[in-house]
Amino acid sequence: MLTPHGIPMASMGPVYDRVHFPGMTIDFEHPVERLVQALKARFAGEAAGIDRYFESMHAARKRWKPCSLRIRCRSSCPRPDVVEGRRDPALGSGGR
């Protein structure tokens, strides 16, 4: 669900993004283990760095997951509408 009120998401299949570089295309696949395997196959010498990157992303996501549900932690989450201590009207009210 996208929201606590129940907007269902439709599957896009295993490839959810495609990045094009000169001479190279990388498909971002779900589940993340498939993406990790594909990156390691393409960049075999960087397997340890790829692992560290995804471990860091997992840790950051786990730490900030409550903030994606702003209802639970309004006072402790960063406000997307406040830049350098001032409210930016172009960014909306941040749900408040």
Foldseek 3Di string as FASTA:
>chain_A
DLAPVDDDDDDPAFFPDWDDDVVDIQTCGPPNVVSLVVVCVVVVVCNVVSVVVVVVVVVVCVVCVVVSVCVVPVPPHDQPQADPNRGNPVRPDSVD
